[in-house]
């Protein structure tokens, strides 16, 4: 049987087998244990004899992909194959645990950020349009209801009183404002022609009286009255009626 095997099975090329062993390095996807088993399988046909363990140790250390682990093993005096395997396995385990811990910390950090900054719910105020600064409402572009309207607070246009930024009179301004006196209020009148023109205008310097826009008569064009007291209004109406007769 031995002669039969020798005749039909060709001899192995020792040089080729040893070159395969010496060139073998750890791959990125291989663990320490997997790399060691591959080396043990390749060395079987190299015929190293009693030096086999030391040669495997050398190839194992040189072929590692982890540079830090490789340097660590090279600094150990009287390093044996058994000691090299134990140190490499321990290093691999610690490295794996540190990676797992880093992943857990990253997930925990992301979860804490998500909880501190929750996503706005549909229909919440953050998803809605901001209130318009002219009308105080929410609307689309060029749909402001205040456009062209007069503010009831300041008299300006294109905004409502509820969003008007005009400052109210201060207490000092109110005190300095002249008080109305029916007897001393100064006013002046001017009469003009009656055909299609203003015929009477009254102004009140105190500006703290009544205001009537226009007064119509049967025989003349409308005439306007400015700011003045109620008694002045009555006198001017009577006078205008007398002129119209």
C-alpha atoms as a PDB file:
ATOM      1  CA  UNK A   1       0.000   0.000   0.000  1.00  0.00           C
ATOM      2  CA  UNK A   2       2.880   2.339   0.814  1.00  0.00           C
ATOM      3  CA  UNK A   3       4.455   1.737  -2.579  1.00  0.00           C
ATOM      4  CA  UNK A   4       1.101   2.302  -4.279  1.00  0.00           C
ATOM      5  CA  UNK A   5       0.678   5.645  -2.520  1.00  0.00           C
ATOM      6  CA  UNK A   6       4.188   6.761  -3.368  1.00  0.00           C
ATOM      7  CA  UNK A   7       3.697   5.859  -7.020  1.00  0.00           C
ATOM      8  CA  UNK A   8       0.342   7.545  -7.654  1.00  0.00           C
ATOM      9  CA  UNK A   9       0.530  10.525  -5.258  1.00  0.00           C
ATOM     10  CA  UNK A  10       3.129  13.082  -6.369  1.00  0.00           C
ATOM     11  CA  UNK A  11       5.591  14.560  -3.930  1.00  0.00           C
ATOM     12  CA  UNK A  12       4.784  17.943  -2.441  1.00  0.00           C
ATOM     13  CA  UNK A  13       6.990  20.856  -3.305  1.00  0.00           C
ATOM     14  CA  UNK A  14       8.447  21.894   0.060  1.00  0.00           C
ATOM     15  CA  UNK A  15       9.588  25.250  -1.226  1.00  0.00           C
ATOM     16  CA  UNK A  16       6.122  26.044  -2.539  1.00  0.00           C
ATOM     17  CA  UNK A  17       4.441  24.899   0.692  1.00  0.00           C
ATOM     18  CA  UNK A  18       6.764  26.968   2.846  1.00  0.00           C
ATOM     19  CA  UNK A  19       6.314  30.035   0.651  1.00  0.00           C
ATOM     20  CA  UNK A  20       2.535  29.750   1.042  1.00  0.00           C
ATOM     21  CA  UNK A  21       3.002  29.585   4.796  1.00  0.00           C
ATOM     22  CA  UNK A  22       5.511  32.434   5.034  1.00  0.00           C
ATOM     23  CA  UNK A  23       3.449  34.795   2.861  1.00  0.00           C
ATOM     24  CA  UNK A  24       0.202  34.245   4.720  1.00  0.00           C
ATOM     25  CA  UNK A  25      -1.068  37.287   6.611  1.00  0.00           C
ATOM     26  CA  UNK A  26      -4.141  37.901   8.689  1.00  0.00           C
ATOM     27  CA  UNK A  27      -7.064  39.193   6.659  1.00  0.00           C
ATOM     28  CA  UNK A  28      -9.337  42.007   7.755  1.00  0.00           C
ATOM     29  CA  UNK A  29     -12.299  39.701   8.369  1.00  0.00           C
ATOM     30  CA  UNK A  30     -10.282  37.058  10.237  1.00  0.00           C
ATOM     31  CA  UNK A  31     -10.229  36.724  14.002  1.00  0.00           C
ATOM     32  CA  UNK A  32      -7.122  35.725  15.947  1.00  0.00           C
ATOM     33  CA  UNK A  33      -8.380  32.176  16.243  1.00  0.00           C
ATOM     34  CA  UNK A  34      -9.158  31.862  12.532  1.00  0.00           C
ATOM     35  CA  UNK A  35      -5.739  33.179  11.530  1.00  0.00           C
ATOM     36  CA  UNK A  36      -3.973  30.734  13.854  1.00  0.00           C
ATOM     37  CA  UNK A  37      -5.910  27.750  12.457  1.00  0.00           C
ATOM     38  CA  UNK A  38      -4.972  28.685   8.882  1.00  0.00           C
ATOM     39  CA  UNK A  39      -1.284  28.800   9.850  1.00  0.00           C
ATOM     40  CA  UNK A  40      -1.542  25.412  11.566  1.00  0.00           C
ATOM     41  CA  UNK A  41      -3.038  23.933   8.423  1.00  0.00           C
ATOM     42  CA  UNK A  42      -0.389  25.378   6.103  1.00  0.00           C
ATOM     43  CA  UNK A  43       2.570  24.373   8.258  1.00  0.00           C
ATOM     44  CA  UNK A  44       1.673  20.664   8.131  1.00  0.00           C
ATOM     45  CA  UNK A  45       3.358  20.205   4.757  1.00  0.00           C
ATOM     46  CA  UNK A  46       6.419  22.334   5.470  1.00  0.00           C
ATOM     47  CA  UNK A  47       8.406  19.710   7.433  1.00  0.00           C
ATOM     48  CA  UNK A  48       9.818  22.115  10.001  1.00  0.00           C
ATOM     49  CA  UNK A  49      10.136  19.378  12.570  1.00  0.00           C
ATOM     50  CA  UNK A  50      10.883  20.451  16.170  1.00  0.00           C
ATOM     51  CA  UNK A  51      11.042  24.117  15.177  1.00  0.00           C
ATOM     52  CA  UNK A  52       7.435  24.149  14.027  1.00  0.00           C
ATOM     53  CA  UNK A  53       5.963  26.004  17.067  1.00  0.00           C
ATOM     54  CA  UNK A  54       8.572  28.757  17.027  1.00  0.00           C
ATOM     55  CA  UNK A  55       8.143  29.204  13.259  1.00  0.00           C
ATOM     56  CA  UNK A  56       4.345  29.423  13.656  1.00  0.00           C
ATOM     57  CA  UNK A  57       4.874  31.980  16.444  1.00  0.00           C
ATOM     58  CA  UNK A  58       7.041  34.152  14.224  1.00  0.00           C
ATOM     59  CA  UNK A  59       4.639  33.959  11.273  1.00  0.00           C
ATOM     60  CA  UNK A  60       1.708  34.666  13.593  1.00  0.00           C
ATOM     61  CA  UNK A  61       3.271  37.840  15.061  1.00  0.00           C
ATOM     62  CA  UNK A  62       4.528  39.162  11.730  1.00  0.00           C
ATOM     63  CA  UNK A  63       1.232  38.502   9.935  1.00  0.00           C
ATOM     64  CA  UNK A  64      -1.052  40.350  12.392  1.00  0.00           C
ATOM     65  CA  UNK A  65      -2.986  43.330  11.029  1.00  0.00           C
ATOM     66  CA  UNK A  66      -3.175  45.128  14.384  1.00  0.00           C
ATOM     67  CA  UNK A  67       0.030  47.155  14.530  1.00  0.00           C
ATOM     68  CA  UNK A  68      -0.282  47.911  18.258  1.00  0.00           C
ATOM     69  CA  UNK A  69      -0.731  44.229  19.105  1.00  0.00           C
ATOM     70  CA  UNK A  70       2.214  43.319  16.893  1.00  0.00           C
ATOM     71  CA  UNK A  71       4.497  45.790  18.695  1.00  0.00           C
ATOM     72  CA  UNK A  72       3.238  44.606  22.081  1.00  0.00           C
ATOM     73  CA  UNK A  73       4.109  40.955  21.322  1.00  0.00           C
ATOM     74  CA  UNK A  74       7.562  41.846  19.994  1.00  0.00           C
ATOM     75  CA  UNK A  75       8.435  43.509  23.324  1.00  0.00           C
ATOM     76  CA  UNK A  76       7.694  40.366  25.366  1.00  0.00           C
ATOM     77  CA  UNK A  77      10.864  38.442  26.282  1.00  0.00           C
ATOM     78  CA  UNK A  78      10.823  34.649  25.895  1.00  0.00           C
ATOM     79  CA  UNK A  79       7.565  34.826  23.954  1.00  0.00           C
ATOM     80  CA  UNK A  80       6.119  31.397  23.254  1.00  0.00           C
ATOM     81  CA  UNK A  81       3.390  30.453  20.809  1.00  0.00           C
ATOM     82  CA  UNK A  82       1.019  29.819  23.701  1.00  0.00           C
ATOM     83  CA  UNK A  83       1.767  33.197  25.311  1.00  0.00           C
ATOM     84  CA  UNK A  84       1.390  34.977  21.971  1.00  0.00           C
ATOM     85  CA  UNK A  85      -2.030  33.408  21.397  1.00  0.00           C
ATOM     86  CA  UNK A  86      -3.247  34.262  24.926  1.00  0.00           C
ATOM     87  CA  UNK A  87      -2.104  37.886  24.656  1.00  0.00           C
ATOM     88  CA  UNK A  88      -3.610  38.303  21.181  1.00  0.00           C
ATOM     89  CA  UNK A  89      -6.961  36.810  22.212  1.00  0.00           C
ATOM     90  CA  UNK A  90      -7.155  39.051  25.289  1.00  0.00           C
ATOM     91  CA  UNK A  91      -6.303  42.128  23.216  1.00  0.00           C
ATOM     92  CA  UNK A  92      -8.949  41.218  20.639  1.00  0.00           C
ATOM     93  CA  UNK A  93     -11.595  40.754  23.345  1.00  0.00           C
ATOM     94  CA  UNK A  94     -10.867  44.117  24.983  1.00  0.00           C
ATOM     95  CA  UNK A  95     -10.902  45.853  21.598  1.00  0.00           C
ATOM     96  CA  UNK A  96     -14.248  44.262  20.735  1.00  0.00           C
ATOM     97  CA  UNK A  97     -15.744  45.328  24.077  1.00  0.00           C
ATOM     98  CA  UNK A  98     -14.542  48.905  23.592  1.00  0.00           C
ATOM     99  CA  UNK A  99     -16.161  49.052  20.141  1.00  0.00           C
ATOM    100  CA  UNK A 100     -19.428  47.742  21.534  1.00  0.00           C
ATOM    101  CA  UNK A 101     -19.326  50.292  24.353  1.00  0.00           C
ATOM    102  CA  UNK A 102     -18.659  53.102  21.862  1.00  0.00           C
ATOM    103  CA  UNK A 103     -21.700  52.044  19.825  1.00  0.00           C
ATOM    104  CA  UNK A 104     -23.880  51.997  22.955  1.00  0.00           C
ATOM    105  CA  UNK A 105     -22.650  55.455  23.986  1.00  0.00           C
ATOM    106  CA  UNK A 106     -23.314  56.836  20.509  1.00  0.00           C
ATOM    107  CA  UNK A 107     -26.859  55.448  20.449  1.00  0.00           C
ATOM    108  CA  UNK A 108     -27.517  56.794  23.942  1.00  0.00           C
ATOM    109  CA  UNK A 109     -26.187  60.221  22.943  1.00  0.00           C
ATOM    110  CA  UNK A 110     -28.381  60.326  19.838  1.00  0.00           C
ATOM    111  CA  UNK A 111     -31.434  59.282  21.851  1.00  0.00           C
ATOM    112  CA  UNK A 112     -30.825  62.022  24.411  1.00  0.00           C
ATOM    113  CA  UNK A 113     -30.564  64.605  21.628  1.00  0.00           C
ATOM    114  CA  UNK A 114     -33.774  63.336  20.069  1.00  0.00           C
ATOM    115  CA  UNK A 115     -35.628  63.522  23.394  1.00  0.00           C
ATOM    116  CA  UNK A 116     -34.386  67.049  24.105  1.00  0.00           C
ATOM    117  CA  UNK A 117     -35.381  68.193  20.611  1.00  0.00           C
ATOM    118  CA  UNK A 118     -38.635  66.379  19.838  1.00  0.00           C
ATOM    119  CA  UNK A 119     -40.046  66.624  16.354  1.00  0.00           C
ATOM    120  CA  UNK A 120     -43.025  68.943  16.111  1.00  0.00           C
ATOM    121  CA  UNK A 121     -46.344  67.174  15.778  1.00  0.00           C
ATOM    122  CA  UNK A 122     -48.475  67.769  12.687  1.00  0.00           C
ATOM    123  CA  UNK A 123     -50.691  70.759  13.230  1.00  0.00           C
ATOM    124  CA  UNK A 124     -48.517  72.253  15.966  1.00  0.00           C
ATOM    125  CA  UNK A 125     -47.689  75.938  15.982  1.00  0.00           C
ATOM    126  CA  UNK A 126     -44.145  75.283  14.770  1.00  0.00           C
ATOM    127  CA  UNK A 127     -45.525  73.827  11.524  1.00  0.00           C
ATOM    128  CA  UNK A 128     -47.873  76.715  10.932  1.00  0.00           C
ATOM    129  CA  UNK A 129     -47.084  80.011   9.244  1.00  0.00           C
ATOM    130  CA  UNK A 130     -45.872  82.860  11.400  1.00  0.00           C
ATOM    131  CA  UNK A 131     -48.403  85.580  12.164  1.00  0.00           C
ATOM    132  CA  UNK A 132     -48.337  88.535   9.779  1.00  0.00           C
ATOM    133  CA  UNK A 133     -46.809  91.681  11.245  1.00  0.00           C
ATOM    134  CA  UNK A 134     -49.426  93.882   9.576  1.00  0.00           C
ATOM    135  CA  UNK A 135     -52.671  92.113  10.449  1.00  0.00           C
ATOM    136  CA  UNK A 136     -51.704  89.615  13.162  1.00  0.00           C
ATOM    137  CA  UNK A 137     -53.171  86.709  11.188  1.00  0.00           C
ATOM    138  CA  UNK A 138     -51.789  83.832   9.155  1.00  0.00           C
ATOM    139  CA  UNK A 139     -52.248  83.966   5.393  1.00  0.00           C
ATOM    140  CA  UNK A 140     -50.520  83.338   2.123  1.00  0.00           C
ATOM    141  CA  UNK A 141     -48.331  85.757   0.175  1.00  0.00           C
ATOM    142  CA  UNK A 142     -50.057  88.963  -0.949  1.00  0.00           C
ATOM    143  CA  UNK A 143     -53.250  88.031   0.925  1.00  0.00           C
ATOM    144  CA  UNK A 144     -52.966  90.421   3.856  1.00  0.00           C
ATOM    145  CA  UNK A 145     -56.403  91.842   4.744  1.00  0.00           C
ATOM    146  CA  UNK A 146     -54.756  94.974   6.158  1.00  0.00           C
ATOM    147  CA  UNK A 147     -53.493  96.098   2.757  1.00  0.00           C
ATOM    148  CA  UNK A 148     -54.995  99.488   1.958  1.00  0.00           C
ATOM    149  CA  UNK A 149     -56.699  99.749   5.364  1.00  0.00           C
ATOM    150  CA  UNK A 150     -56.238 102.666   7.766  1.00  0.00           C
ATOM    151  CA  UNK A 151     -54.966 102.040  11.297  1.00  0.00           C
ATOM    152  CA  UNK A 152     -57.445 103.217  13.936  1.00  0.00           C
ATOM    153  CA  UNK A 153     -54.575 103.904  16.353  1.00  0.00           C
ATOM    154  CA  UNK A 154     -52.052 105.977  14.428  1.00  0.00           C
ATOM    155  CA  UNK A 155     -53.876 106.791  11.206  1.00  0.00           C
ATOM    156  CA  UNK A 156     -51.283 105.019   9.080  1.00  0.00           C
ATOM    157  CA  UNK A 157     -52.124 102.609   6.305  1.00  0.00           C
ATOM    158  CA  UNK A 158     -51.600  98.936   5.499  1.00  0.00           C
ATOM    159  CA  UNK A 159     -51.793  97.654   9.091  1.00  0.00           C
ATOM    160  CA  UNK A 160     -54.330  97.103  11.860  1.00  0.00           C
ATOM    161  CA  UNK A 161     -54.382  98.813  15.254  1.00  0.00           C
ATOM    162  CA  UNK A 162     -53.765  95.575  17.180  1.00  0.00           C
ATOM    163  CA  UNK A 163     -50.314  95.240  15.617  1.00  0.00           C
ATOM    164  CA  UNK A 164     -49.529  98.956  15.513  1.00  0.00           C
ATOM    165  CA  UNK A 165     -46.152  99.782  17.026  1.00  0.00           C
ATOM    166  CA  UNK A 166     -46.876 103.479  17.555  1.00  0.00           C
ATOM    167  CA  UNK A 167     -46.100 104.378  21.146  1.00  0.00           C
ATOM    168  CA  UNK A 168     -48.951 105.878  23.189  1.00  0.00           C
ATOM    169  CA  UNK A 169     -48.624 109.376  24.641  1.00  0.00           C
ATOM    170  CA  UNK A 170     -46.622 109.495  27.832  1.00  0.00           C
ATOM    171  CA  UNK A 171     -47.963 110.997  31.018  1.00  0.00           C
ATOM    172  CA  UNK A 172     -45.841 114.074  30.463  1.00  0.00           C
ATOM    173  CA  UNK A 173     -47.240 114.546  26.988  1.00  0.00           C
ATOM    174  CA  UNK A 174     -50.776 114.268  28.339  1.00  0.00           C
ATOM    175  CA  UNK A 175     -50.064 116.905  30.978  1.00  0.00           C
ATOM    176  CA  UNK A 176     -48.556 119.296  28.434  1.00  0.00           C
ATOM    177  CA  UNK A 177     -51.474 118.850  26.037  1.00  0.00           C
ATOM    178  CA  UNK A 178     -53.673 122.001  26.111  1.00  0.00           C
ATOM    179  CA  UNK A 179     -57.081 121.597  27.686  1.00  0.00           C
ATOM    180  CA  UNK A 180     -60.189 122.653  25.836  1.00  0.00           C
ATOM    181  CA  UNK A 181     -61.939 125.800  26.998  1.00  0.00           C
ATOM    182  CA  UNK A 182     -65.165 126.704  25.239  1.00  0.00           C
ATOM    183  CA  UNK A 183     -64.770 130.404  26.013  1.00  0.00           C
ATOM    184  CA  UNK A 184     -61.090 130.800  25.100  1.00  0.00           C
ATOM    185  CA  UNK A 185     -60.651 128.310  22.285  1.00  0.00           C
ATOM    186  CA  UNK A 186     -59.324 130.159  19.289  1.00  0.00           C
ATOM    187  CA  UNK A 187     -60.702 129.383  15.894  1.00  0.00           C
ATOM    188  CA  UNK A 188     -60.823 130.998  12.557  1.00  0.00           C
ATOM    189  CA  UNK A 189     -63.169 130.855   9.652  1.00  0.00           C
ATOM    190  CA  UNK A 190     -62.725 131.447   6.009  1.00  0.00           C
ATOM    191  CA  UNK A 191     -65.446 131.824   3.474  1.00  0.00           C
ATOM    192  CA  UNK A 192     -65.094 131.128  -0.189  1.00  0.00           C
ATOM    193  CA  UNK A 193     -67.285 131.135  -3.248  1.00  0.00           C
ATOM    194  CA  UNK A 194     -70.121 128.616  -3.269  1.00  0.00           C
ATOM    195  CA  UNK A 195     -69.869 127.150  -6.782  1.00  0.00           C
ATOM    196  CA  UNK A 196     -68.274 123.734  -6.375  1.00  0.00           C
ATOM    197  CA  UNK A 197     -65.856 124.980  -3.725  1.00  0.00           C
ATOM    198  CA  UNK A 198     -65.482 124.851  -0.003  1.00  0.00           C
ATOM    199  CA  UNK A 199     -67.378 127.713   1.598  1.00  0.00           C
ATOM    200  CA  UNK A 200     -66.534 127.349   5.213  1.00  0.00           C
ATOM    201  CA  UNK A 201     -63.686 125.869   7.204  1.00  0.00           C
ATOM    202  CA  UNK A 202     -63.115 125.967  10.932  1.00  0.00           C
ATOM    203  CA  UNK A 203     -59.960 124.925  12.718  1.00  0.00           C
ATOM    204  CA  UNK A 204     -59.484 124.512  16.418  1.00  0.00           C
ATOM    205  CA  UNK A 205     -55.994 124.819  17.813  1.00  0.00           C
ATOM    206  CA  UNK A 206     -56.898 122.776  20.880  1.00  0.00           C
ATOM    207  CA  UNK A 207     -57.980 119.802  18.669  1.00  0.00           C
ATOM    208  CA  UNK A 208     -59.855 118.309  21.584  1.00  0.00           C
ATOM    209  CA  UNK A 209     -63.383 118.811  20.311  1.00  0.00           C
ATOM    210  CA  UNK A 210     -65.782 117.207  17.870  1.00  0.00           C
ATOM    211  CA  UNK A 211     -65.151 116.603  14.189  1.00  0.00           C
ATOM    212  CA  UNK A 212     -67.771 116.519  11.466  1.00  0.00           C
ATOM    213  CA  UNK A 213     -66.706 115.657   7.956  1.00  0.00           C
ATOM    214  CA  UNK A 214     -69.257 117.512   5.774  1.00  0.00           C
ATOM    215  CA  UNK A 215     -72.564 119.312   6.108  1.00  0.00           C
ATOM    216  CA  UNK A 216     -74.939 119.403   3.164  1.00  0.00           C
ATOM    217  CA  UNK A 217     -77.661 121.970   2.469  1.00  0.00           C
ATOM    218  CA  UNK A 218     -80.405 122.098  -0.136  1.00  0.00           C
ATOM    219  CA  UNK A 219     -79.154 125.202  -1.857  1.00  0.00           C
ATOM    220  CA  UNK A 220     -75.365 124.894  -1.834  1.00  0.00           C
ATOM    221  CA  UNK A 221     -72.472 122.507  -2.175  1.00  0.00           C
ATOM    222  CA  UNK A 222     -71.276 120.540   0.885  1.00  0.00           C
ATOM    223  CA  UNK A 223     -69.062 122.444   3.259  1.00  0.00           C
ATOM    224  CA  UNK A 224     -66.537 120.985   5.640  1.00  0.00           C
ATOM    225  CA  UNK A 225     -65.978 121.587   9.307  1.00  0.00           C
ATOM    226  CA  UNK A 226     -62.738 120.816  11.101  1.00  0.00           C
ATOM    227  CA  UNK A 227     -62.141 120.302  14.801  1.00  0.00           C
ATOM    228  CA  UNK A 228     -64.274 122.541  17.107  1.00  0.00           C
ATOM    229  CA  UNK A 229     -66.813 122.466  19.945  1.00  0.00           C
ATOM    230  CA  UNK A 230     -70.467 121.511  19.795  1.00  0.00           C
ATOM    231  CA  UNK A 231     -71.574 125.111  20.415  1.00  0.00           C
ATOM    232  CA  UNK A 232     -69.488 126.284  17.473  1.00  0.00           C
ATOM    233  CA  UNK A 233     -71.081 123.611  15.307  1.00  0.00           C
ATOM    234  CA  UNK A 234     -74.593 124.830  16.139  1.00  0.00           C
ATOM    235  CA  UNK A 235     -73.714 128.469  15.508  1.00  0.00           C
ATOM    236  CA  UNK A 236     -72.098 127.702  12.199  1.00  0.00           C
ATOM    237  CA  UNK A 237     -75.014 125.533  11.048  1.00  0.00           C
ATOM    238  CA  UNK A 238     -77.464 128.347  11.837  1.00  0.00           C
ATOM    239  CA  UNK A 239     -75.301 130.885  10.090  1.00  0.00           C
ATOM    240  CA  UNK A 240     -74.959 128.655   7.037  1.00  0.00           C
ATOM    241  CA  UNK A 241     -78.706 128.132   6.890  1.00  0.00           C
ATOM    242  CA  UNK A 242     -79.239 131.887   7.012  1.00  0.00           C
ATOM    243  CA  UNK A 243     -76.807 132.383   4.155  1.00  0.00           C
ATOM    244  CA  UNK A 244     -78.514 129.687   2.096  1.00  0.00           C
ATOM    245  CA  UNK A 245     -82.005 131.244   2.396  1.00  0.00           C
END
